[in-house]
PDB file of N, CA and C in Angstrom:
ATOM      1  N   MET A   1     185.959  87.354 140.965  1.00  0.00           N
ATOM      2  CA  MET A   1     186.052  86.358 142.015  1.00  0.00           C
ATOM      3  C   MET A   1     184.945  85.324 141.810  1.00  0.00           C
ATOM      4  N   LYS A   2     185.318  84.059 141.854  1.00  0.00           N
ATOM      5  CA  LYS A   2     184.355  82.977 141.659  1.00  0.00           C
ATOM      6  C   LYS A   2     183.486  82.797 142.900  1.00  0.00           C
ATOM      7  N   LYS A   3     182.185  82.693 142.696  1.00  0.00           N
ATOM      8  CA  LYS A   3     181.258  82.476 143.801  1.00  0.00           C
ATOM      9  C   LYS A   3     181.309  81.001 144.200  1.00  0.00           C
ATOM     10  N   GLN A   4     181.441  80.740 145.512  1.00  0.00           N
ATOM     11  CA  GLN A   4     181.509  79.372 145.993  1.00  0.00           C
ATOM     12  C   GLN A   4     180.135  78.725 145.994  1.00  0.00           C
ATOM     13  N   THR A   5     180.114  77.439 145.711  1.00  0.00           N
ATOM     14  CA  THR A   5     178.865  76.691 145.782  1.00  0.00           C
ATOM     15  C   THR A   5     178.591  76.332 147.234  1.00  0.00           C
ATOM     16  N   ASN A   6     177.360  75.897 147.521  1.00  0.00           N
ATOM     17  CA  ASN A   6     177.012  75.467 148.881  1.00  0.00           C
ATOM     18  C   ASN A   6     177.942  74.366 149.360  1.00  0.00           C
ATOM     19  N   ALA A   7     178.235  73.410 148.493  1.00  0.00           N
ATOM     20  CA  ALA A   7     179.108  72.295 148.873  1.00  0.00           C
ATOM     21  C   ALA A   7     180.500  72.794 149.232  1.00  0.00           C
ATOM     22  N   GLU A   8     181.019  73.747 148.445  1.00  0.00           N
ATOM     23  CA  GLU A   8     182.342  74.297 148.739  1.00  0.00           C
ATOM     24  C   GLU A   8     182.340  75.066 150.057  1.00  0.00           C
ATOM     25  N   LEU A   9     181.278  75.836 150.296  1.00  0.00           N
ATOM     26  CA  LEU A   9     181.177  76.566 151.559  1.00  0.00           C
ATOM     27  C   LEU A   9     181.112  75.615 152.741  1.00  0.00           C
ATOM     28  N   GLN A  10     180.335  74.557 152.611  1.00  0.00           N
ATOM     29  CA  GLN A  10     180.217  73.580 153.696  1.00  0.00           C
ATOM     30  C   GLN A  10     181.556  72.925 153.970  1.00  0.00           C
ATOM     31  N   ALA A  11     182.257  72.533 152.928  1.00  0.00           N
ATOM     32  CA  ALA A  11     183.544  71.867 153.101  1.00  0.00           C
ATOM     33  C   ALA A  11     184.564  72.800 153.738  1.00  0.00           C
ATOM     34  N   ALA A  12     184.490  74.077 153.405  1.00  0.00           N
ATOM     35  CA  ALA A  12     185.449  75.043 153.930  1.00  0.00           C
ATOM     36  C   ALA A  12     185.176  75.430 155.371  1.00  0.00           C
ATOM     37  N   THR A  13     183.942  75.291 155.836  1.00  0.00           N
ATOM     38  CA  THR A  13     183.604  75.802 157.156  1.00  0.00           C
ATOM     39  C   THR A  13     183.558  74.748 158.246  1.00  0.00           C
ATOM     40  N   CYS A  14     183.352  73.484 157.921  1.00  0.00           N
ATOM     41  CA  CYS A  14     183.291  72.486 158.975  1.00  0.00           C
ATOM     42  C   CYS A  14     183.517  71.084 158.431  1.00  0.00           C
ATOM     43  N   ASP A  15     183.820  70.174 159.347  1.00  0.00           N
ATOM     44  CA  ASP A  15     184.043  68.785 158.971  1.00  0.00           C
ATOM     45  C   ASP A  15     182.739  68.080 158.630  1.00  0.00           C
ATOM     46  N   THR A  16     181.688  68.393 159.351  1.00  0.00           N
ATOM     47  CA  THR A  16     180.400  67.762 159.139  1.00  0.00           C
ATOM     48  C   THR A  16     179.539  68.682 158.299  1.00  0.00           C
ATOM     49  N   PRO A  17     179.165  68.250 157.098  1.00  0.00           N
ATOM     50  CA  PRO A  17     178.348  69.130 156.260  1.00  0.00           C
ATOM     51  C   PRO A  17     177.008  69.459 156.919  1.00  0.00           C
ATOM     52  N   MET A  18     176.647  70.709 156.860  1.00  0.00           N
ATOM     53  CA  MET A  18     175.361  71.153 157.395  1.00  0.00           C
ATOM     54  C   MET A  18     174.676  71.916 156.275  1.00  0.00           C
ATOM     55  N   PRO A  19     173.505  71.477 155.899  1.00  0.00           N
ATOM     56  CA  PRO A  19     172.841  72.191 154.809  1.00  0.00           C
ATOM     57  C   PRO A  19     172.643  73.663 155.148  1.00  0.00           C
ATOM     58  N   LEU A  20     173.097  74.510 154.251  1.00  0.00           N
ATOM     59  CA  LEU A  20     172.979  75.943 154.486  1.00  0.00           C
ATOM     60  C   LEU A  20     171.525  76.374 154.606  1.00  0.00           C
ATOM     61  N   ALA A  21     170.629  75.675 153.944  1.00  0.00           N
ATOM     62  CA  ALA A  21     169.205  76.015 154.054  1.00  0.00           C
ATOM     63  C   ALA A  21     168.725  75.816 155.488  1.00  0.00           C
ATOM     64  N   SER A  22     169.226  74.795 156.165  1.00  0.00           N
ATOM     65  CA  SER A  22     168.841  74.550 157.556  1.00  0.00           C
ATOM     66  C   SER A  22     169.366  75.653 158.464  1.00  0.00           C
ATOM     67  N   VAL A  23     170.572  76.069 158.223  1.00  0.00           N
ATOM     68  CA  VAL A  23     171.156  77.156 159.014  1.00  0.00           C
ATOM     69  C   VAL A  23     170.350  78.430 158.800  1.00  0.00           C
ATOM     70  N   GLN A  24     170.041  78.732 157.551  1.00  0.00           N
ATOM     71  CA  GLN A  24     169.278  79.937 157.247  1.00  0.00           C
ATOM     72  C   GLN A  24     167.892  79.871 157.873  1.00  0.00           C
ATOM     73  N   SER A  25     167.280  78.695 157.856  1.00  0.00           N
ATOM     74  CA  SER A  25     165.958  78.524 158.456  1.00  0.00           C
ATOM     75  C   SER A  25     166.006  78.812 159.953  1.00  0.00           C
ATOM     76  N   ALA A  26     167.027  78.297 160.622  1.00  0.00           N
ATOM     77  CA  ALA A  26     167.164  78.540 162.062  1.00  0.00           C
ATOM     78  C   ALA A  26     167.365  80.026 162.339  1.00  0.00           C
ATOM     79  N   ILE A  27     168.201  80.671 161.539  1.00  0.00           N
ATOM     80  CA  ILE A  27     168.441  82.104 161.723  1.00  0.00           C
ATOM     81  C   ILE A  27     167.153  82.890 161.514  1.00  0.00           C
ATOM     82  N   ASP A  28     166.410  82.548 160.477  1.00  0.00           N
ATOM     83  CA  ASP A  28     165.146  83.248 160.201  1.00  0.00           C
ATOM     84  C   ASP A  28     164.157  83.081 161.348  1.00  0.00           C
ATOM     85  N   ARG A  29     164.096  81.893 161.917  1.00  0.00           N
ATOM     86  CA  ARG A  29     163.125  81.619 162.977  1.00  0.00           C
ATOM     87  C   ARG A  29     163.515  82.288 164.291  1.00  0.00           C
ATOM     88  N   LEU A  30     164.801  82.448 164.532  1.00  0.00           N
ATOM     89  CA  LEU A  30     165.256  82.918 165.844  1.00  0.00           C
ATOM     90  C   LEU A  30     165.885  84.304 165.820  1.00  0.00           C
ATOM     91  N   SER A  31     165.914  84.942 164.650  1.00  0.00           N
ATOM     92  CA  SER A  31     166.542  86.255 164.596  1.00  0.00           C
ATOM     93  C   SER A  31     165.608  87.305 165.189  1.00  0.00           C
ATOM     94  N   GLY A  32     166.162  88.392 165.487  1.00  0.00           N
ATOM     95  CA  GLY A  32     165.403  89.485 166.091  1.00  0.00           C
ATOM     96  C   GLY A  32     166.016  89.839 167.431  1.00  0.00           C
ATOM     97  N   LYS A  33     166.055  91.109 167.707  1.00  0.00           N
ATOM     98  CA  LYS A  33     166.696  91.598 168.934  1.00  0.00           C
ATOM     99  C   LYS A  33     166.074  91.009 170.191  1.00  0.00           C
ATOM    100  N   TRP A  34     164.761  90.792 170.190  1.00  0.00           N
ATOM    101  CA  TRP A  34     164.061  90.405 171.409  1.00  0.00           C
ATOM    102  C   TRP A  34     163.708  88.918 171.472  1.00  0.00           C
ATOM    103  N   THR A  35     163.845  88.205 170.386  1.00  0.00           N
ATOM    104  CA  THR A  35     163.383  86.813 170.310  1.00  0.00           C
ATOM    105  C   THR A  35     163.989  85.935 171.397  1.00  0.00           C
ATOM    106  N   LEU A  36     165.289  85.908 171.484  1.00  0.00           N
ATOM    107  CA  LEU A  36     165.939  85.036 172.471  1.00  0.00           C
ATOM    108  C   LEU A  36     165.658  85.492 173.892  1.00  0.00           C
ATOM    109  N   ARG A  37     165.566  86.775 174.101  1.00  0.00           N
ATOM    110  CA  ARG A  37     165.270  87.284 175.444  1.00  0.00           C
ATOM    111  C   ARG A  37     163.882  86.849 175.904  1.00  0.00           C
ATOM    112  N   VAL A  38     162.915  86.886 174.988  1.00  0.00           N
ATOM    113  CA  VAL A  38     161.557  86.445 175.323  1.00  0.00           C
ATOM    114  C   VAL A  38     161.564  84.940 175.595  1.00  0.00           C
ATOM    115  N   LEU A  39     162.244  84.177 174.753  1.00  0.00           N
ATOM    116  CA  LEU A  39     162.308  82.724 174.974  1.00  0.00           C
ATOM    117  C   LEU A  39     162.949  82.406 176.322  1.00  0.00           C
ATOM    118  N   PHE A  40     164.022  83.100 176.658  1.00  0.00           N
ATOM    119  CA  PHE A  40     164.679  82.867 177.954  1.00  0.00           C
ATOM    120  C   PHE A  40     163.719  83.141 179.103  1.00  0.00           C
ATOM    121  N   ALA A  41     162.971  84.213 179.015  1.00  0.00           N
ATOM    122  CA  ALA A  41     162.007  84.528 180.079  1.00  0.00           C
ATOM    123  C   ALA A  41     160.948  83.436 180.195  1.00  0.00           C
ATOM    124  N   LEU A  42     160.503  82.926 179.067  1.00  0.00           N
ATOM    125  CA  LEU A  42     159.464  81.891 179.093  1.00  0.00           C
ATOM    126  C   LEU A  42     159.997  80.526 179.515  1.00  0.00           C
ATOM    127  N   TRP A  43     161.299  80.320 179.442  1.00  0.00           N
ATOM    128  CA  TRP A  43     161.861  79.056 179.929  1.00  0.00           C
ATOM    129  C   TRP A  43     161.700  78.939 181.434  1.00  0.00           C
ATOM    130  N   GLU A  44     161.698  80.059 182.116  1.00  0.00           N
ATOM    131  CA  GLU A  44     161.529  80.030 183.570  1.00  0.00           C
ATOM    132  C   GLU A  44     160.132  79.545 183.941  1.00  0.00           C
ATOM    133  N   ARG A  45     159.125  80.133 183.277  1.00  0.00           N
ATOM    134  CA  ARG A  45     157.726  79.796 183.555  1.00  0.00           C
ATOM    135  C   ARG A  45     156.855  80.571 182.584  1.00  0.00           C
ATOM    136  N   PRO A  46     155.562  80.201 182.481  1.00  0.00           N
ATOM    137  CA  PRO A  46     154.649  81.007 181.658  1.00  0.00           C
ATOM    138  C   PRO A  46     154.513  82.416 182.246  1.00  0.00           C
ATOM    139  N   HIS A  47     154.258  83.362 181.369  1.00  0.00           N
ATOM    140  CA  HIS A  47     154.119  84.759 181.791  1.00  0.00           C
ATOM    141  C   HIS A  47     152.902  85.391 181.136  1.00  0.00           C
ATOM    142  N   ARG A  48     152.313  86.326 181.835  1.00  0.00           N
ATOM    143  CA  ARG A  48     151.340  87.213 181.220  1.00  0.00           C
ATOM    144  C   ARG A  48     152.118  88.327 180.527  1.00  0.00           C
ATOM    145  N   PHE A  49     151.433  89.077 179.669  1.00  0.00           N
ATOM    146  CA  PHE A  49     152.097  90.090 178.857  1.00  0.00           C
ATOM    147  C   PHE A  49     152.871  91.091 179.717  1.00  0.00           C
ATOM    148  N   GLY A  50     152.231  91.629 180.731  1.00  0.00           N
ATOM    149  CA  GLY A  50     152.885  92.615 181.588  1.00  0.00           C
ATOM    150  C   GLY A  50     154.102  92.053 182.308  1.00  0.00           C
ATOM    151  N   GLU A  51     154.016  90.794 182.714  1.00  0.00           N
ATOM    152  CA  GLU A  51     155.158  90.151 183.362  1.00  0.00           C
ATOM    153  C   GLU A  51     156.330  90.012 182.393  1.00  0.00           C
ATOM    154  N   LEU A  52     156.002  89.688 181.136  1.00  0.00           N
ATOM    155  CA  LEU A  52     157.059  89.572 180.126  1.00  0.00           C
ATOM    156  C   LEU A  52     157.737  90.916 179.893  1.00  0.00           C
ATOM    157  N   ARG A  53     156.956  91.986 179.882  1.00  0.00           N
ATOM    158  CA  ARG A  53     157.557  93.313 179.689  1.00  0.00           C
ATOM    159  C   ARG A  53     158.556  93.621 180.793  1.00  0.00           C
ATOM    160  N   LYS A  54     158.236  93.203 182.019  1.00  0.00           N
ATOM    161  CA  LYS A  54     159.164  93.419 183.135  1.00  0.00           C
ATOM    162  C   LYS A  54     160.361  92.470 183.057  1.00  0.00           C
ATOM    163  N   ALA A  55     160.126  91.258 182.564  1.00  0.00           N
ATOM    164  CA  ALA A  55     161.191  90.247 182.490  1.00  0.00           C
ATOM    165  C   ALA A  55     162.172  90.520 181.354  1.00  0.00           C
ATOM    166  N   VAL A  56     161.764  91.330 180.387  1.00  0.00           N
ATOM    167  CA  VAL A  56     162.616  91.650 179.233  1.00  0.00           C
ATOM    168  C   VAL A  56     162.825  93.163 179.208  1.00  0.00           C
ATOM    169  N   PRO A  57     163.766  93.654 180.003  1.00  0.00           N
ATOM    170  CA  PRO A  57     163.968  95.107 180.109  1.00  0.00           C
ATOM    171  C   PRO A  57     164.278  95.749 178.755  1.00  0.00           C
ATOM    172  N   GLY A  58     163.645  96.889 178.526  1.00  0.00           N
ATOM    173  CA  GLY A  58     163.921  97.655 177.318  1.00  0.00           C
ATOM    174  C   GLY A  58     162.982  97.380 176.156  1.00  0.00           C
ATOM    175  N   VAL A  59     162.254  96.284 176.183  1.00  0.00           N
ATOM    176  CA  VAL A  59     161.357  95.978 175.073  1.00  0.00           C
ATOM    177  C   VAL A  59     160.118  96.862 175.159  1.00  0.00           C
ATOM    178  N   THR A  60     159.716  97.396 174.016  1.00  0.00           N
ATOM    179  CA  THR A  60     158.501  98.209 173.987  1.00  0.00           C
ATOM    180  C   THR A  60     157.288  97.283 173.858  1.00  0.00           C
ATOM    181  N   LYS A  61     156.133  97.843 174.145  1.00  0.00           N
ATOM    182  CA  LYS A  61     154.890  97.080 174.035  1.00  0.00           C
ATOM    183  C   LYS A  61     154.712  96.552 172.606  1.00  0.00           C
ATOM    184  N   ASN A  62     154.950  97.420 171.617  1.00  0.00           N
ATOM    185  CA  ASN A  62     154.792  97.014 170.218  1.00  0.00           C
ATOM    186  C   ASN A  62     155.782  95.931 169.811  1.00  0.00           C
ATOM    187  N   MET A  63     157.036  96.064 170.218  1.00  0.00           N
ATOM    188  CA  MET A  63     158.045  95.059 169.846  1.00  0.00           C
ATOM    189  C   MET A  63     157.776  93.730 170.535  1.00  0.00           C
ATOM    190  N   LEU A  64     157.312  93.766 171.776  1.00  0.00           N
ATOM    191  CA  LEU A  64     156.980  92.529 172.465  1.00  0.00           C
ATOM    192  C   LEU A  64     155.809  91.839 171.766  1.00  0.00           C
ATOM    193  N   THR A  65     154.818  92.613 171.378  1.00  0.00           N
ATOM    194  CA  THR A  65     153.673  92.056 170.655  1.00  0.00           C
ATOM    195  C   THR A  65     154.122  91.415 169.346  1.00  0.00           C
ATOM    196  N   GLN A  66     154.950  92.122 168.574  1.00  0.00           N
ATOM    197  CA  GLN A  66     155.460  91.575 167.307  1.00  0.00           C
ATOM    198  C   GLN A  66     156.271  90.312 167.526  1.00  0.00           C
ATOM    199  N   THR A  67     157.122  90.325 168.540  1.00  0.00           N
ATOM    200  CA  THR A  67     157.972  89.169 168.827  1.00  0.00           C
ATOM    201  C   THR A  67     157.134  87.965 169.232  1.00  0.00           C
ATOM    202  N   LEU A  68     156.158  88.180 170.098  1.00  0.00           N
ATOM    203  CA  LEU A  68     155.294  87.078 170.528  1.00  0.00           C
ATOM    204  C   LEU A  68     154.492  86.515 169.355  1.00  0.00           C
ATOM    205  N   ARG A  69     153.995  87.368 168.482  1.00  0.00           N
ATOM    206  CA  ARG A  69     153.257  86.895 167.309  1.00  0.00           C
ATOM    207  C   ARG A  69     154.157  86.068 166.395  1.00  0.00           C
ATOM    208  N   HIS A  70     155.386  86.539 166.203  1.00  0.00           N
ATOM    209  CA  HIS A  70     156.354  85.800 165.389  1.00  0.00           C
ATOM    210  C   HIS A  70     156.621  84.418 165.999  1.00  0.00           C
ATOM    211  N   LEU A  71     156.851  84.384 167.301  1.00  0.00           N
ATOM    212  CA  LEU A  71     157.143  83.113 167.971  1.00  0.00           C
ATOM    213  C   LEU A  71     155.938  82.181 167.948  1.00  0.00           C
ATOM    214  N   GLU A  72     154.753  82.746 167.999  1.00  0.00           N
ATOM    215  CA  GLU A  72     153.529  81.940 167.864  1.00  0.00           C
ATOM    216  C   GLU A  72     153.451  81.324 166.479  1.00  0.00           C
ATOM    217  N   ARG A  73     153.670  82.134 165.442  1.00  0.00           N
ATOM    218  CA  ARG A  73     153.634  81.634 164.060  1.00  0.00           C
ATOM    219  C   ARG A  73     154.667  80.534 163.845  1.00  0.00           C
ATOM    220  N   GLU A  74     155.803  80.658 164.503  1.00  0.00           N
ATOM    221  CA  GLU A  74     156.874  79.672 164.367  1.00  0.00           C
ATOM    222  C   GLU A  74     156.610  78.406 165.183  1.00  0.00           C
ATOM    223  N   GLY A  75     155.568  78.438 166.004  1.00  0.00           N
ATOM    224  CA  GLY A  75     155.219  77.264 166.802  1.00  0.00           C
ATOM    225  C   GLY A  75     156.068  77.093 168.046  1.00  0.00           C
ATOM    226  N   LEU A  76     156.721  78.171 168.486  1.00  0.00           N
ATOM    227  CA  LEU A  76     157.597  78.087 169.654  1.00  0.00           C
ATOM    228  C   LEU A  76     156.919  78.574 170.933  1.00  0.00           C
ATOM    229  N   VAL A  77     155.884  79.384 170.774  1.00  0.00           N
ATOM    230  CA  VAL A  77     155.169  79.955 171.923  1.00  0.00           C
ATOM    231  C   VAL A  77     153.679  79.697 171.763  1.00  0.00           C
ATOM    232  N   HIS A  78     153.053  79.380 172.885  1.00  0.00           N
ATOM    233  CA  HIS A  78     151.607  79.167 172.933  1.00  0.00           C
ATOM    234  C   HIS A  78     150.969  80.356 173.642  1.00  0.00           C
ATOM    235  N   ARG A  79     149.875  80.840 173.074  1.00  0.00           N
ATOM    236  CA  ARG A  79     149.125  81.959 173.656  1.00  0.00           C
ATOM    237  C   ARG A  79     147.792  81.411 174.141  1.00  0.00           C
ATOM    238  N   GLU A  80     147.544  81.543 175.436  1.00  0.00           N
ATOM    239  CA  GLU A  80     146.292  81.055 176.018  1.00  0.00           C
ATOM    240  C   GLU A  80     145.487  82.229 176.554  1.00  0.00           C
ATOM    241  N   VAL A  81     144.251  82.343 176.080  1.00  0.00           N
ATOM    242  CA  VAL A  81     143.364  83.406 176.527  1.00  0.00           C
ATOM    243  C   VAL A  81     142.344  82.807 177.477  1.00  0.00           C
ATOM    244  N   VAL A  82     142.297  83.356 178.696  1.00  0.00           N
ATOM    245  CA  VAL A  82     141.333  82.914 179.698  1.00  0.00           C
ATOM    246  C   VAL A  82     140.183  83.910 179.703  1.00  0.00           C
ATOM    247  N   ALA A  83     138.968  83.378 179.551  1.00  0.00           N
ATOM    248  CA  ALA A  83     137.789  84.253 179.525  1.00  0.00           C
ATOM    249  C   ALA A  83     137.576  84.868 180.904  1.00  0.00           C
ATOM    250  N   ALA A  84     137.894  86.122 180.995  1.00  0.00           N
ATOM    251  CA  ALA A  84     137.714  86.890 182.236  1.00  0.00           C
ATOM    252  C   ALA A  84     137.530  88.343 181.821  1.00  0.00           C
ATOM    253  N   VAL A  85     137.236  89.171 182.772  1.00  0.00           N
ATOM    254  CA  VAL A  85     137.115  90.597 182.484  1.00  0.00           C
ATOM    255  C   VAL A  85     138.140  91.335 183.336  1.00  0.00           C
ATOM    256  N   PRO A  86     139.157  91.930 182.754  1.00  0.00           N
ATOM    257  CA  PRO A  86     139.554  91.849 181.354  1.00  0.00           C
ATOM    258  C   PRO A  86     140.132  90.468 181.027  1.00  0.00           C
ATOM    259  N   PRO A  87     140.202  90.105 179.743  1.00  0.00           N
ATOM    260  CA  PRO A  87     140.738  88.785 179.382  1.00  0.00           C
ATOM    261  C   PRO A  87     142.173  88.620 179.871  1.00  0.00           C
ATOM    262  N   GLU A  88     142.496  87.433 180.341  1.00  0.00           N
ATOM    263  CA  GLU A  88     143.865  87.137 180.781  1.00  0.00           C
ATOM    264  C   GLU A  88     144.551  86.336 179.684  1.00  0.00           C
ATOM    265  N   VAL A  89     145.705  86.813 179.274  1.00  0.00           N
ATOM    266  CA  VAL A  89     146.479  86.122 178.237  1.00  0.00           C
ATOM    267  C   VAL A  89     147.786  85.671 178.849  1.00  0.00           C
ATOM    268  N   THR A  90     148.057  84.381 178.718  1.00  0.00           N
ATOM    269  CA  THR A  90     149.290  83.808 179.236  1.00  0.00           C
ATOM    270  C   THR A  90     150.085  83.211 178.087  1.00  0.00           C
ATOM    271  N   TYR A  91     151.388  83.447 178.098  1.00  0.00           N
ATOM    272  CA  TYR A  91     152.285  82.918 177.079  1.00  0.00           C
ATOM    273  C   TYR A  91     153.178  81.862 177.712  1.00  0.00           C
ATOM    274  N   SER A  92     153.356  80.765 176.993  1.00  0.00           N
ATOM    275  CA  SER A  92     154.230  79.699 177.466  1.00  0.00           C
ATOM    276  C   SER A  92     154.936  79.073 176.270  1.00  0.00           C
ATOM    277  N   LEU A  93     155.969  78.316 176.543  1.00  0.00           N
ATOM    278  CA  LEU A  93     156.673  77.620 175.470  1.00  0.00           C
ATOM    279  C   LEU A  93     155.879  76.404 175.032  1.00  0.00           C
ATOM    280  N   THR A  94     155.910  76.131 173.758  1.00  0.00           N
ATOM    281  CA  THR A  94     155.375  74.876 173.254  1.00  0.00           C
ATOM    282  C   THR A  94     156.439  73.805 173.448  1.00  0.00           C
ATOM    283  N   ALA A  95     156.097  72.576 173.159  1.00  0.00           N
ATOM    284  CA  ALA A  95     157.089  71.492 173.236  1.00  0.00           C
ATOM    285  C   ALA A  95     158.249  71.780 172.281  1.00  0.00           C
ATOM    286  N   GLU A  96     157.917  72.325 171.110  1.00  0.00           N
ATOM    287  CA  GLU A  96     158.957  72.677 170.130  1.00  0.00           C
ATOM    288  C   GLU A  96     159.870  73.778 170.679  1.00  0.00           C
ATOM    289  N   GLY A  97     159.298  74.757 171.338  1.00  0.00           N
ATOM    290  CA  GLY A  97     160.096  75.816 171.945  1.00  0.00           C
ATOM    291  C   GLY A  97     160.995  75.286 173.047  1.00  0.00           C
ATOM    292  N   ALA A  98     160.475  74.371 173.845  1.00  0.00           N
ATOM    293  CA  ALA A  98     161.262  73.788 174.941  1.00  0.00           C
ATOM    294  C   ALA A  98     162.432  72.961 174.415  1.00  0.00           C
ATOM    295  N   ARG A  99     162.316  72.445 173.196  1.00  0.00           N
ATOM    296  CA  ARG A  99     163.418  71.665 172.605  1.00  0.00           C
ATOM    297  C   ARG A  99     164.670  72.512 172.384  1.00  0.00           C
ATOM    298  N   LEU A 100     164.514  73.817 172.357  1.00  0.00           N
ATOM    299  CA  LEU A 100     165.668  74.699 172.151  1.00  0.00           C
ATOM    300  C   LEU A 100     166.503  74.897 173.412  1.00  0.00           C
ATOM    301  N   ARG A 101     165.955  74.531 174.559  1.00  0.00           N
ATOM    302  CA  ARG A 101     166.651  74.780 175.825  1.00  0.00           C
ATOM    303  C   ARG A 101     168.085  74.228 175.851  1.00  0.00           C
ATOM    304  N   PRO A 102     168.322  72.949 175.505  1.00  0.00           N
ATOM    305  CA  PRO A 102     169.709  72.461 175.559  1.00  0.00           C
ATOM    306  C   PRO A 102     170.629  73.158 174.554  1.00  0.00           C
ATOM    307  N   VAL A 103     170.076  73.578 173.439  1.00  0.00           N
ATOM    308  CA  VAL A 103     170.878  74.290 172.445  1.00  0.00           C
ATOM    309  C   VAL A 103     171.372  75.603 173.029  1.00  0.00           C
ATOM    310  N   PHE A 104     170.469  76.348 173.652  1.00  0.00           N
ATOM    311  CA  PHE A 104     170.860  77.636 174.199  1.00  0.00           C
ATOM    312  C   PHE A 104     171.636  77.503 175.497  1.00  0.00           C
ATOM    313  N   SER A 105     171.435  76.424 176.219  1.00  0.00           N
ATOM    314  CA  SER A 105     172.283  76.167 177.391  1.00  0.00           C
ATOM    315  C   SER A 105     173.725  75.988 176.935  1.00  0.00           C
ATOM    316  N   ALA A 106     173.907  75.279 175.833  1.00  0.00           N
ATOM    317  CA  ALA A 106     175.255  75.084 175.291  1.00  0.00           C
ATOM    318  C   ALA A 106     175.852  76.415 174.830  1.00  0.00           C
ATOM    319  N   ILE A 107     175.048  77.257 174.212  1.00  0.00           N
ATOM    320  CA  ILE A 107     175.533  78.568 173.760  1.00  0.00           C
ATOM    321  C   ILE A 107     175.908  79.433 174.960  1.00  0.00           C
ATOM    322  N   ILE A 108     175.096  79.391 176.009  1.00  0.00           N
ATOM    323  CA  ILE A 108     175.398  80.162 177.224  1.00  0.00           C
ATOM    324  C   ILE A 108     176.711  79.678 177.838  1.00  0.00           C
ATOM    325  N   ASP A 109     176.883  78.363 177.921  1.00  0.00           N
ATOM    326  CA  ASP A 109     178.125  77.804 178.462  1.00  0.00           C
ATOM    327  C   ASP A 109     179.321  78.235 177.621  1.00  0.00           C
ATOM    328  N   TRP A 110     179.168  78.147 176.306  1.00  0.00           N
ATOM    329  CA  TRP A 110     180.248  78.558 175.412  1.00  0.00           C
ATOM    330  C   TRP A 110     180.585  80.030 175.627  1.00  0.00           C
ATOM    331  N   SER A 111     179.554  80.858 175.710  1.00  0.00           N
ATOM    332  CA  SER A 111     179.764  82.295 175.901  1.00  0.00           C
ATOM    333  C   SER A 111     180.453  82.581 177.233  1.00  0.00           C
ATOM    334  N   ALA A 112     180.014  81.894 178.288  1.00  0.00           N
ATOM    335  CA  ALA A 112     180.628  82.085 179.602  1.00  0.00           C
ATOM    336  C   ALA A 112     182.102  81.669 179.567  1.00  0.00           C
ATOM    337  N   ASP A 113     182.396  80.555 178.903  1.00  0.00           N
ATOM    338  CA  ASP A 113     183.788  80.108 178.775  1.00  0.00           C
ATOM    339  C   ASP A 113     184.622  81.136 178.017  1.00  0.00           C
ATOM    340  N   ARG A 114     184.057  81.669 176.930  1.00  0.00           N
ATOM    341  CA  ARG A 114     184.775  82.671 176.137  1.00  0.00           C
ATOM    342  C   ARG A 114     184.985  83.941 176.954  1.00  0.00           C
ATOM    343  N   HIS A 115     183.975  84.329 177.730  1.00  0.00           N
ATOM    344  CA  HIS A 115     184.082  85.528 178.559  1.00  0.00           C
ATOM    345  C   HIS A 115     185.171  85.334 179.620  1.00  0.00           C
ATOM    346  N   ASP A 116     185.162  84.164 180.268  1.00  0.00           N
ATOM    347  CA  ASP A 116     186.184  83.871 181.275  1.00  0.00           C
ATOM    348  C   ASP A 116     187.570  83.861 180.649  1.00  0.00           C
ATOM    349  N   SER A 117     187.680  83.258 179.468  1.00  0.00           N
ATOM    350  CA  SER A 117     188.958  83.194 178.769  1.00  0.00           C
ATOM    351  C   SER A 117     189.434  84.591 178.389  1.00  0.00           C
ATOM    352  N   ALA A 118     188.534  85.412 177.889  1.00  0.00           N
ATOM    353  CA  ALA A 118     188.892  86.782 177.498  1.00  0.00           C
ATOM    354  C   ALA A 118     189.299  87.601 178.713  1.00  0.00           C
ATOM    355  N   SER A 119     188.620  87.402 179.837  1.00  0.00           N
ATOM    356  CA  SER A 119     188.969  88.122 181.067  1.00  0.00           C
ATOM    357  C   SER A 119     190.368  87.745 181.538  1.00  0.00           C
ATOM    358  N   ARG A 120     190.678  86.443 181.506  1.00  0.00           N
ATOM    359  CA  ARG A 120     192.007  85.987 181.923  1.00  0.00           C
ATOM    360  C   ARG A 120     193.075  86.545 180.989  1.00  0.00           C
ATOM    361  N   THR A 121     192.807  86.560 179.687  1.00  0.00           N
ATOM    362  CA  THR A 121     193.765  87.079 178.716  1.00  0.00           C
ATOM    363  C   THR A 121     194.002  88.564 178.955  1.00  0.00           C
ATOM    364  N   THR A 122     192.956  89.320 179.223  1.00  0.00           N
ATOM    365  CA  THR A 122     193.068  90.750 179.482  1.00  0.00           C
ATOM    366  C   THR A 122     193.889  90.992 180.737  1.00  0.00           C
ATOM    367  N   GLU A 123     193.633  90.202 181.783  1.00  0.00           N
ATOM    368  CA  GLU A 123     194.386  90.366 183.031  1.00  0.00           C
ATOM    369  C   GLU A 123     195.860  90.053 182.821  1.00  0.00           C
ATOM    370  N   LEU A 124     196.176  89.022 182.058  1.00  0.00           N
ATOM    371  CA  LEU A 124     197.563  88.641 181.821  1.00  0.00           C
ATOM    372  C   LEU A 124     198.310  89.656 180.948  1.00  0.00           C
ATOM    373  N   SER A 125     197.591  90.314 180.056  1.00  0.00           N
ATOM    374  CA  SER A 125     198.249  91.234 179.142  1.00  0.00           C
ATOM    375  C   SER A 125     198.367  92.662 179.693  1.00  0.00           C
ATOM    376  N   ARG A 126     197.730  92.912 180.840  1.00  0.00           N
ATOM    377  CA  ARG A 126     197.836  94.256 181.442  1.00  0.00           C
ATOM    378  C   ARG A 126     199.263  94.510 181.927  1.00  0.00           C
ATOM    379  N   PRO A 127     199.773  95.710 181.669  1.00  0.00           N
ATOM    380  CA  PRO A 127     201.105  96.044 182.206  1.00  0.00           C
ATOM    381  C   PRO A 127     201.048  96.132 183.723  1.00  0.00           C
ATOM    382  N   ARG A 128     202.079  95.681 184.350  1.00  0.00           N
ATOM    383  CA  ARG A 128     202.123  95.712 185.813  1.00  0.00           C
ATOM    384  C   ARG A 128     203.085  96.751 186.286  1.00  0.00           C
TER     385      ARG A 128
END
């Protein structure tokens, strides 16, 4: 089987070419089980670590720490340490992180539409 080139893949998948490297970069930056959940929590407001653990049910302390460090390295989350005893650490979105809000709002809308559509299809196909 012949391996498709990037150009062939782009032409086959959409009308508007999108560099596959850009897609891969976005996936690399945003992948991870907890990444989007943490970003969603931070869109509401800045959180301290303990608040984030409560806002993201199921995440362990270690996974939250890893996720926050990853998001910091990616420039999507800002970590602010306030000199106090004990030190207070607050996490918030950077301007770059906030730029993702309309993208994920669109994904949420799409998902809700698909869910509503699937629910209607299931109801119509049920035997009466």
